[in-house]
Amino acid sequence: MFDKFKKEEGGEIIEERIVDEHANMKSRGISSNETVGEIGIVELMDKRAKLEEAIDYVGLMIKNLKEKRTVLEKDIEEESVDIKNLKEKLEKVSQYIEEENRGIKELAHKRKQVENEADEVGSLINSLRDRLSGIDKIIDNEGNRVKKIKESKESLES
């Protein structure tokens, strides 16, 4: 699992540490073969190298996670701004709808008033027509009387 990482990054550093440890042991007068057999230093050094490699790998994973978190935070903030903008737009649309509804109610009220006035005018016209018809009948009746009077006068004179 860590071999891939070792080849990509940090492999040279670990190898240098192992070489340095061998050099330190030779300078103290301890042969590497004696040490290996007696206390297993090479295995410990290998384990330490693998642990360091694992720590480096975990550090890289943490770095990647931090970068991902930063990207997510940025994305969430952008979405939050977008949602706030949409909410503001929807509130404006809602206000517009309310204004239009009020306007429609006012127009309906005005139309009803005009309709009522038109009904009143229609009633007045019918009333005046009836009155004019009554006057016309009276005039016709009076005209017929005058005619009768003239006819009766003419018949008396002739």
N, C-alpha and C. Protein backbone atom coordinates (compact mmCIF):
# COMPACT_ATOMS: atom_id res chain seq x y z
N MET A 1 0.82 -1.19 0.00
CA MET A 1 0.00 0.00 0.00
C MET A 1 0.87 1.25 0.00
N PHE A 2 1.91 1.26 0.78
CA PHE A 2 2.76 2.43 0.88
C PHE A 2 3.90 2.40 -0.12
N ASP A 3 4.10 1.26 -0.78
CA ASP A 3 5.19 1.16 -1.76
C ASP A 3 4.98 2.17 -2.88
N LYS A 4 3.75 2.32 -3.33
CA LYS A 4 3.46 3.28 -4.39
C LYS A 4 3.87 4.69 -3.95
N PHE A 5 3.47 5.04 -2.73
CA PHE A 5 3.80 6.36 -2.21
C PHE A 5 5.30 6.53 -2.07
N LYS A 6 5.97 5.47 -1.62
CA LYS A 6 7.41 5.52 -1.42
C LYS A 6 8.12 5.83 -2.73
N LYS A 7 7.64 5.25 -3.81
CA LYS A 7 8.26 5.47 -5.10
C LYS A 7 7.98 6.89 -5.60
N GLU A 8 6.80 7.43 -5.28
CA GLU A 8 6.45 8.76 -5.77
C GLU A 8 7.16 9.85 -4.98
N GLU A 9 7.09 9.78 -3.67
CA GLU A 9 7.67 10.83 -2.84
C GLU A 9 8.36 10.22 -1.63
N GLY A 10 9.44 10.80 -1.23
CA GLY A 10 10.07 10.45 0.03
C GLY A 10 10.90 9.19 0.02
N GLY A 11 10.97 8.43 -1.05
CA GLY A 11 11.73 7.18 -1.09
C GLY A 11 13.22 7.42 -0.90
N GLU A 12 13.74 8.46 -1.50
CA GLU A 12 15.17 8.75 -1.40
C GLU A 12 15.55 9.14 0.02
N ILE A 13 14.71 9.89 0.67
CA ILE A 13 15.01 10.35 2.03
C ILE A 13 15.11 9.15 2.97
N ILE A 14 14.20 8.20 2.86
CA ILE A 14 14.22 7.03 3.74
C ILE A 14 15.47 6.20 3.48
N GLU A 15 15.83 6.02 2.23
CA GLU A 15 17.03 5.24 1.92
C GLU A 15 18.27 5.93 2.48
N GLU A 16 18.31 7.26 2.42
CA GLU A 16 19.47 7.98 2.97
C GLU A 16 19.58 7.77 4.46
N ARG A 17 18.44 7.74 5.17
CA ARG A 17 18.47 7.52 6.62
C ARG A 17 19.02 6.14 6.95
N ILE A 18 18.63 5.14 6.18
CA ILE A 18 19.14 3.78 6.43
C ILE A 18 20.64 3.75 6.20
N VAL A 19 21.13 4.37 5.14
CA VAL A 19 22.56 4.40 4.85
C VAL A 19 23.29 5.14 5.98
N ASP A 20 22.71 6.26 6.45
CA ASP A 20 23.32 7.00 7.56
C ASP A 20 23.42 6.15 8.82
N GLU A 21 22.40 5.37 9.11
CA GLU A 21 22.41 4.51 10.30
C GLU A 21 23.52 3.45 10.18
N HIS A 22 23.68 2.88 8.99
CA HIS A 22 24.75 1.90 8.78
C HIS A 22 26.11 2.55 8.99
N ALA A 23 26.28 3.78 8.51
CA ALA A 23 27.55 4.49 8.66
C ALA A 23 27.83 4.77 10.13
N ASN A 24 26.79 5.14 10.87
CA ASN A 24 26.98 5.41 12.31
C ASN A 24 27.40 4.15 13.05
N MET A 25 26.82 3.04 12.69
CA MET A 25 27.17 1.79 13.35
C MET A 25 28.61 1.40 13.03
N LYS A 26 29.09 1.63 11.81
CA LYS A 26 30.47 1.28 11.45
C LYS A 26 31.44 2.19 12.18
N SER A 27 31.07 3.48 12.36
CA SER A 27 31.99 4.39 13.03
C SER A 27 32.13 4.03 14.50
N ARG A 28 31.17 3.39 15.08
CA ARG A 28 31.25 2.98 16.48
C ARG A 28 31.99 1.65 16.62
N GLY A 29 32.31 1.09 15.50
CA GLY A 29 33.05 -0.17 15.56
C GLY A 29 32.16 -1.38 15.63
N ILE A 30 30.90 -1.21 15.34
CA ILE A 30 29.95 -2.34 15.37
C ILE A 30 29.71 -2.73 13.93
N SER A 31 29.89 -3.98 13.64
CA SER A 31 29.64 -4.43 12.28
C SER A 31 28.13 -4.60 12.11
N SER A 32 27.72 -4.37 10.89
CA SER A 32 26.27 -4.45 10.65
C SER A 32 25.77 -5.87 10.77
N ASN A 33 26.60 -6.86 10.46
CA ASN A 33 26.16 -8.24 10.56
C ASN A 33 25.94 -8.64 12.01
N GLU A 34 26.82 -8.19 12.92
CA GLU A 34 26.67 -8.51 14.34
C GLU A 34 25.39 -7.89 14.88
N THR A 35 25.17 -6.65 14.52
CA THR A 35 24.01 -5.92 15.03
C THR A 35 22.72 -6.54 14.51
N VAL A 36 22.73 -6.88 13.26
CA VAL A 36 21.53 -7.44 12.65
C VAL A 36 21.14 -8.71 13.38
N GLY A 37 22.07 -9.56 13.61
CA GLY A 37 21.78 -10.84 14.23
C GLY A 37 21.37 -10.69 15.68
N GLU A 38 21.99 -9.77 16.39
CA GLU A 38 21.76 -9.69 17.83
C GLU A 38 20.50 -8.93 18.20
N ILE A 39 20.33 -7.74 17.66
CA ILE A 39 19.19 -6.94 18.13
C ILE A 39 18.16 -6.63 17.05
N GLY A 40 18.40 -6.99 15.82
CA GLY A 40 17.43 -6.79 14.74
C GLY A 40 17.22 -5.34 14.39
N ILE A 41 18.31 -4.58 14.32
CA ILE A 41 18.19 -3.14 14.05
C ILE A 41 17.65 -2.85 12.67
N VAL A 42 17.99 -3.69 11.71
CA VAL A 42 17.53 -3.46 10.33
C VAL A 42 16.00 -3.55 10.27
N GLU A 43 15.45 -4.55 10.97
CA GLU A 43 14.00 -4.68 10.98
C GLU A 43 13.35 -3.46 11.63
N LEU A 44 13.98 -2.98 12.71
CA LEU A 44 13.45 -1.78 13.37
C LEU A 44 13.53 -0.58 12.46
N MET A 45 14.67 -0.49 11.75
CA MET A 45 14.83 0.64 10.83
C MET A 45 13.81 0.56 9.70
N ASP A 46 13.57 -0.64 9.23
CA ASP A 46 12.56 -0.82 8.17
C ASP A 46 11.18 -0.43 8.69
N LYS A 47 10.86 -0.86 9.90
CA LYS A 47 9.57 -0.52 10.48
C LYS A 47 9.44 0.99 10.65
N ARG A 48 10.54 1.61 11.15
CA ARG A 48 10.51 3.06 11.32
C ARG A 48 10.31 3.75 9.99
N ALA A 49 11.01 3.26 8.96
CA ALA A 49 10.89 3.85 7.63
C ALA A 49 9.45 3.71 7.12
N LYS A 50 8.86 2.54 7.33
CA LYS A 50 7.47 2.35 6.90
C LYS A 50 6.53 3.25 7.69
N LEU A 51 6.79 3.40 8.99
CA LEU A 51 5.95 4.28 9.81
C LEU A 51 6.08 5.74 9.34
N GLU A 52 7.32 6.14 9.05
CA GLU A 52 7.51 7.50 8.55
C GLU A 52 6.80 7.69 7.22
N GLU A 53 6.88 6.66 6.39
CA GLU A 53 6.19 6.71 5.10
C GLU A 53 4.68 6.81 5.32
N ALA A 54 4.17 6.03 6.27
CA ALA A 54 2.74 6.07 6.58
C ALA A 54 2.35 7.44 7.11
N ILE A 55 3.19 8.02 7.96
CA ILE A 55 2.91 9.35 8.50
C ILE A 55 2.89 10.38 7.37
N ASP A 56 3.86 10.27 6.47
CA ASP A 56 3.89 11.18 5.32
C ASP A 56 2.62 11.01 4.48
N TYR A 57 2.22 9.75 4.27
CA TYR A 57 1.02 9.47 3.48
C TYR A 57 -0.22 10.05 4.16
N VAL A 58 -0.32 9.84 5.48
CA VAL A 58 -1.45 10.39 6.23
C VAL A 58 -1.43 11.91 6.18
N GLY A 59 -0.25 12.50 6.27
CA GLY A 59 -0.13 13.96 6.16
C GLY A 59 -0.63 14.44 4.81
N LEU A 60 -0.27 13.72 3.76
CA LEU A 60 -0.75 14.07 2.42
C LEU A 60 -2.26 13.93 2.33
N MET A 61 -2.79 12.85 2.94
CA MET A 61 -4.24 12.67 2.95
C MET A 61 -4.92 13.82 3.69
N ILE A 62 -4.34 14.24 4.81
CA ILE A 62 -4.90 15.36 5.58
C ILE A 62 -4.87 16.63 4.74
N LYS A 63 -3.77 16.85 4.06
CA LYS A 63 -3.66 18.03 3.20
C LYS A 63 -4.74 18.00 2.12
N ASN A 64 -4.91 16.84 1.50
CA ASN A 64 -5.93 16.70 0.46
C ASN A 64 -7.33 16.93 1.04
N LEU A 65 -7.57 16.39 2.22
CA LEU A 65 -8.87 16.59 2.87
C LEU A 65 -9.11 18.06 3.18
N LYS A 66 -8.07 18.76 3.63
CA LYS A 66 -8.22 20.19 3.91
C LYS A 66 -8.55 20.95 2.63
N GLU A 67 -7.87 20.57 1.54
CA GLU A 67 -8.14 21.23 0.25
C GLU A 67 -9.58 20.95 -0.19
N LYS A 68 -10.01 19.71 -0.04
CA LYS A 68 -11.38 19.37 -0.41
C LYS A 68 -12.38 20.13 0.45
N ARG A 69 -12.09 20.22 1.75
CA ARG A 69 -12.99 20.95 2.65
C ARG A 69 -13.06 22.41 2.25
N THR A 70 -11.91 22.99 1.90
CA THR A 70 -11.88 24.38 1.48
C THR A 70 -12.72 24.57 0.22
N VAL A 71 -12.59 23.66 -0.72
CA VAL A 71 -13.38 23.73 -1.96
C VAL A 71 -14.86 23.60 -1.63
N LEU A 72 -15.20 22.65 -0.74
CA LEU A 72 -16.60 22.48 -0.35
C LEU A 72 -17.15 23.72 0.34
N GLU A 73 -16.35 24.31 1.24
CA GLU A 73 -16.78 25.53 1.91
C GLU A 73 -17.06 26.63 0.90
N LYS A 74 -16.17 26.75 -0.08
CA LYS A 74 -16.34 27.77 -1.13
C LYS A 74 -17.61 27.48 -1.93
N ASP A 75 -17.81 26.21 -2.30
CA ASP A 75 -19.00 25.83 -3.06
C ASP A 75 -20.28 26.11 -2.27
N ILE A 76 -20.25 25.77 -0.98
CA ILE A 76 -21.42 25.99 -0.13
C ILE A 76 -21.70 27.49 -0.01
N GLU A 77 -20.66 28.28 0.14
CA GLU A 77 -20.85 29.73 0.24
C GLU A 77 -21.44 30.28 -1.05
N GLU A 78 -20.95 29.79 -2.20
CA GLU A 78 -21.50 30.24 -3.49
C GLU A 78 -22.96 29.83 -3.61
N GLU A 79 -23.28 28.61 -3.20
CA GLU A 79 -24.67 28.16 -3.26
C GLU A 79 -25.54 28.99 -2.32
N SER A 80 -25.00 29.32 -1.16
CA SER A 80 -25.74 30.14 -0.21
C SER A 80 -26.06 31.50 -0.81
N VAL A 81 -25.08 32.10 -1.47
CA VAL A 81 -25.29 33.39 -2.12
C VAL A 81 -26.34 33.25 -3.22
N ASP A 82 -26.22 32.18 -4.02
CA ASP A 82 -27.19 31.95 -5.09
C ASP A 82 -28.61 31.79 -4.54
N ILE A 83 -28.72 31.04 -3.46
CA ILE A 83 -30.03 30.80 -2.85
C ILE A 83 -30.60 32.10 -2.28
N LYS A 84 -29.73 32.90 -1.65
CA LYS A 84 -30.20 34.20 -1.13
C LYS A 84 -30.69 35.09 -2.27
N ASN A 85 -29.96 35.09 -3.38
CA ASN A 85 -30.39 35.88 -4.54
C ASN A 85 -31.73 35.39 -5.07
N LEU A 86 -31.87 34.07 -5.16
CA LEU A 86 -33.15 33.51 -5.62
C LEU A 86 -34.28 33.87 -4.67
N LYS A 87 -33.99 33.81 -3.39
CA LYS A 87 -35.01 34.14 -2.39
C LYS A 87 -35.44 35.60 -2.54
N GLU A 88 -34.47 36.51 -2.75
CA GLU A 88 -34.80 37.91 -2.96
C GLU A 88 -35.66 38.09 -4.20
N LYS A 89 -35.30 37.38 -5.28
CA LYS A 89 -36.08 37.46 -6.51
C LYS A 89 -37.50 36.96 -6.29
N LEU A 90 -37.62 35.85 -5.57
CA LEU A 90 -38.94 35.30 -5.29
C LEU A 90 -39.78 36.24 -4.43
N GLU A 91 -39.12 36.91 -3.49
CA GLU A 91 -39.84 37.88 -2.66
C GLU A 91 -40.34 39.04 -3.52
N LYS A 92 -39.51 39.48 -4.48
CA LYS A 92 -39.94 40.55 -5.38
C LYS A 92 -41.10 40.08 -6.25
N VAL A 93 -41.03 38.85 -6.73
CA VAL A 93 -42.13 38.30 -7.53
C VAL A 93 -43.40 38.23 -6.69
N SER A 94 -43.26 37.81 -5.44
CA SER A 94 -44.41 37.73 -4.55
C SER A 94 -45.01 39.11 -4.33
N GLN A 95 -44.17 40.12 -4.13
CA GLN A 95 -44.66 41.49 -3.96
C GLN A 95 -45.38 41.95 -5.23
N TYR A 96 -44.80 41.64 -6.38
CA TYR A 96 -45.43 42.01 -7.65
C TYR A 96 -46.81 41.36 -7.77
N ILE A 97 -46.90 40.09 -7.42
CA ILE A 97 -48.17 39.37 -7.49
C ILE A 97 -49.19 40.01 -6.55
N GLU A 98 -48.77 40.36 -5.34
CA GLU A 98 -49.67 41.01 -4.39
C GLU A 98 -50.16 42.35 -4.94
N GLU A 99 -49.24 43.13 -5.53
CA GLU A 99 -49.63 44.41 -6.12
C GLU A 99 -50.62 44.20 -7.26
N GLU A 100 -50.36 43.21 -8.10
CA GLU A 100 -51.27 42.92 -9.20
C GLU A 100 -52.63 42.48 -8.69
N ASN A 101 -52.65 41.67 -7.64
CA ASN A 101 -53.92 41.24 -7.05
C ASN A 101 -54.70 42.43 -6.50
N ARG A 102 -53.99 43.35 -5.84
CA ARG A 102 -54.66 44.57 -5.34
C ARG A 102 -55.21 45.38 -6.51
N GLY A 103 -54.38 45.50 -7.57
CA GLY A 103 -54.81 46.24 -8.74
C GLY A 103 -56.04 45.61 -9.38
N ILE A 104 -56.05 44.29 -9.47
CA ILE A 104 -57.20 43.59 -10.04
C ILE A 104 -58.43 43.80 -9.18
N LYS A 105 -58.28 43.75 -7.86
CA LYS A 105 -59.42 43.99 -6.97
C LYS A 105 -59.96 45.41 -7.15
N GLU A 106 -59.03 46.39 -7.26
CA GLU A 106 -59.45 47.77 -7.47
C GLU A 106 -60.19 47.91 -8.80
N LEU A 107 -59.64 47.27 -9.85
CA LEU A 107 -60.31 47.32 -11.16
C LEU A 107 -61.69 46.66 -11.10
N ALA A 108 -61.79 45.56 -10.42
CA ALA A 108 -63.09 44.87 -10.29
C ALA A 108 -64.08 45.77 -9.54
N HIS A 109 -63.60 46.45 -8.51
CA HIS A 109 -64.46 47.37 -7.75
C HIS A 109 -64.92 48.53 -8.64
N LYS A 110 -63.97 49.09 -9.38
CA LYS A 110 -64.31 50.20 -10.29
C LYS A 110 -65.29 49.72 -11.37
N ARG A 111 -65.04 48.54 -11.93
CA ARG A 111 -65.96 48.00 -12.93
C ARG A 111 -67.35 47.83 -12.35
N LYS A 112 -67.42 47.34 -11.11
CA LYS A 112 -68.71 47.15 -10.45
C LYS A 112 -69.42 48.50 -10.27
N GLN A 113 -68.64 49.52 -9.89
CA GLN A 113 -69.24 50.86 -9.74
C GLN A 113 -69.77 51.36 -11.08
N VAL A 114 -68.96 51.19 -12.13
CA VAL A 114 -69.40 51.64 -13.45
C VAL A 114 -70.63 50.84 -13.89
N GLU A 115 -70.63 49.57 -13.62
CA GLU A 115 -71.77 48.72 -13.95
C GLU A 115 -73.02 49.20 -13.22
N ASN A 116 -72.87 49.53 -11.93
CA ASN A 116 -74.00 50.04 -11.15
C ASN A 116 -74.49 51.37 -11.73
N GLU A 117 -73.54 52.24 -12.09
CA GLU A 117 -73.93 53.52 -12.69
C GLU A 117 -74.65 53.30 -14.01
N ALA A 118 -74.13 52.33 -14.80
CA ALA A 118 -74.78 52.02 -16.06
C ALA A 118 -76.20 51.51 -15.82
N ASP A 119 -76.38 50.69 -14.79
CA ASP A 119 -77.72 50.21 -14.46
C ASP A 119 -78.62 51.37 -14.05
N GLU A 120 -78.07 52.30 -13.27
CA GLU A 120 -78.85 53.49 -12.86
C GLU A 120 -79.24 54.32 -14.08
N VAL A 121 -78.27 54.53 -14.98
CA VAL A 121 -78.55 55.30 -16.20
C VAL A 121 -79.61 54.57 -17.02
N GLY A 122 -79.50 53.25 -17.12
CA GLY A 122 -80.50 52.47 -17.85
C GLY A 122 -81.87 52.62 -17.22
N SER A 123 -81.92 52.59 -15.89
CA SER A 123 -83.19 52.77 -15.18
C SER A 123 -83.75 54.17 -15.43
N LEU A 124 -82.87 55.19 -15.38
CA LEU A 124 -83.30 56.56 -15.66
C LEU A 124 -83.85 56.68 -17.08
N ILE A 125 -83.12 56.06 -18.03
CA ILE A 125 -83.57 56.11 -19.43
C ILE A 125 -84.95 55.46 -19.55
N ASN A 126 -85.13 54.30 -18.93
CA ASN A 126 -86.43 53.62 -18.99
C ASN A 126 -87.51 54.47 -18.34
N SER A 127 -87.16 55.07 -17.21
CA SER A 127 -88.12 55.93 -16.52
C SER A 127 -88.49 57.12 -17.39
N LEU A 128 -87.47 57.76 -17.99
CA LEU A 128 -87.74 58.92 -18.85
C LEU A 128 -88.51 58.49 -20.10
N ARG A 129 -88.20 57.33 -20.65
CA ARG A 129 -88.91 56.82 -21.81
C ARG A 129 -90.38 56.61 -21.47
N ASP A 130 -90.59 56.02 -20.27
CA ASP A 130 -91.98 55.81 -19.83
C ASP A 130 -92.70 57.15 -19.68
N ARG A 131 -92.00 58.10 -19.10
CA ARG A 131 -92.61 59.43 -18.91
C ARG A 131 -92.89 60.09 -20.26
N LEU A 132 -91.88 59.95 -21.19
CA LEU A 132 -92.09 60.52 -22.53
C LEU A 132 -93.23 59.81 -23.25
N SER A 133 -93.33 58.49 -23.06
CA SER A 133 -94.45 57.75 -23.65
C SER A 133 -95.77 58.26 -23.09
N GLY A 134 -95.75 58.50 -21.80
CA GLY A 134 -96.96 59.05 -21.15
C GLY A 134 -97.31 60.41 -21.72
N ILE A 135 -96.29 61.25 -21.89
CA ILE A 135 -96.50 62.59 -22.46
C ILE A 135 -96.97 62.45 -23.90
N ASP A 136 -96.36 61.52 -24.64
CA ASP A 136 -96.74 61.31 -26.03
C ASP A 136 -98.19 60.87 -26.12
N LYS A 137 -98.64 60.01 -25.21
CA LYS A 137 -100.03 59.56 -25.20
C LYS A 137 -100.95 60.74 -24.90
N ILE A 138 -100.49 61.55 -23.93
CA ILE A 138 -101.32 62.72 -23.59
C ILE A 138 -101.43 63.64 -24.80
N ILE A 139 -100.29 63.84 -25.47
CA ILE A 139 -100.30 64.73 -26.66
C ILE A 139 -101.17 64.11 -27.74
N ASP A 140 -101.05 62.78 -27.95
CA ASP A 140 -101.88 62.11 -28.95
C ASP A 140 -103.37 62.25 -28.59
N ASN A 141 -103.65 62.05 -27.32
CA ASN A 141 -105.04 62.17 -26.86
C ASN A 141 -105.54 63.60 -27.08
N GLU A 142 -104.70 64.56 -26.72
CA GLU A 142 -105.09 65.96 -26.89
C GLU A 142 -105.23 66.27 -28.38
N GLY A 143 -104.30 65.70 -29.19
CA GLY A 143 -104.38 65.92 -30.64
C GLY A 143 -105.66 65.32 -31.20
N ASN A 144 -106.02 64.14 -30.72
CA ASN A 144 -107.26 63.50 -31.16
C ASN A 144 -108.48 64.34 -30.73
N ARG A 145 -108.46 64.90 -29.56
CA ARG A 145 -109.55 65.74 -29.07
C ARG A 145 -109.68 66.99 -29.94
N VAL A 146 -108.49 67.56 -30.20
CA VAL A 146 -108.51 68.78 -31.03
C VAL A 146 -109.07 68.43 -32.40
N LYS A 147 -108.67 67.30 -32.93
CA LYS A 147 -109.17 66.87 -34.23
C LYS A 147 -110.67 66.67 -34.20
N LYS A 148 -111.14 66.04 -33.14
CA LYS A 148 -112.56 65.79 -32.99
C LYS A 148 -113.32 67.12 -32.88
N ILE A 149 -112.70 68.02 -32.13
CA ILE A 149 -113.35 69.32 -31.98
C ILE A 149 -113.41 70.01 -33.33
N LYS A 150 -112.33 69.96 -34.09
CA LYS A 150 -112.30 70.57 -35.41
C LYS A 150 -113.30 69.89 -36.34
N GLU A 151 -113.35 68.59 -36.28
CA GLU A 151 -114.28 67.86 -37.12
C GLU A 151 -115.73 68.19 -36.73
N SER A 152 -115.96 68.24 -35.47
CA SER A 152 -117.32 68.56 -35.04
C SER A 152 -117.65 70.02 -35.37
N LYS A 153 -116.69 70.89 -35.33
CA LYS A 153 -116.90 72.31 -35.70
C LYS A 153 -117.13 72.41 -37.20
N GLU A 154 -116.43 71.66 -37.96
CA GLU A 154 -116.57 71.68 -39.41
C GLU A 154 -117.92 71.06 -39.78
N SER A 155 -118.28 70.03 -39.09
CA SER A 155 -119.56 69.45 -39.40
C SER A 155 -120.69 70.37 -38.97
N LEU A 156 -120.57 71.20 -38.01
CA LEU A 156 -121.56 72.14 -37.59
C LEU A 156 -121.60 73.32 -38.56
N GLU A 157 -120.55 73.65 -39.10
CA GLU A 157 -120.47 74.76 -40.03
C GLU A 157 -120.92 74.29 -41.43
N SER A 158 -120.92 73.17 -41.72
CA SER A 158 -121.32 72.78 -43.04
C SER A 158 -122.73 72.33 -43.12
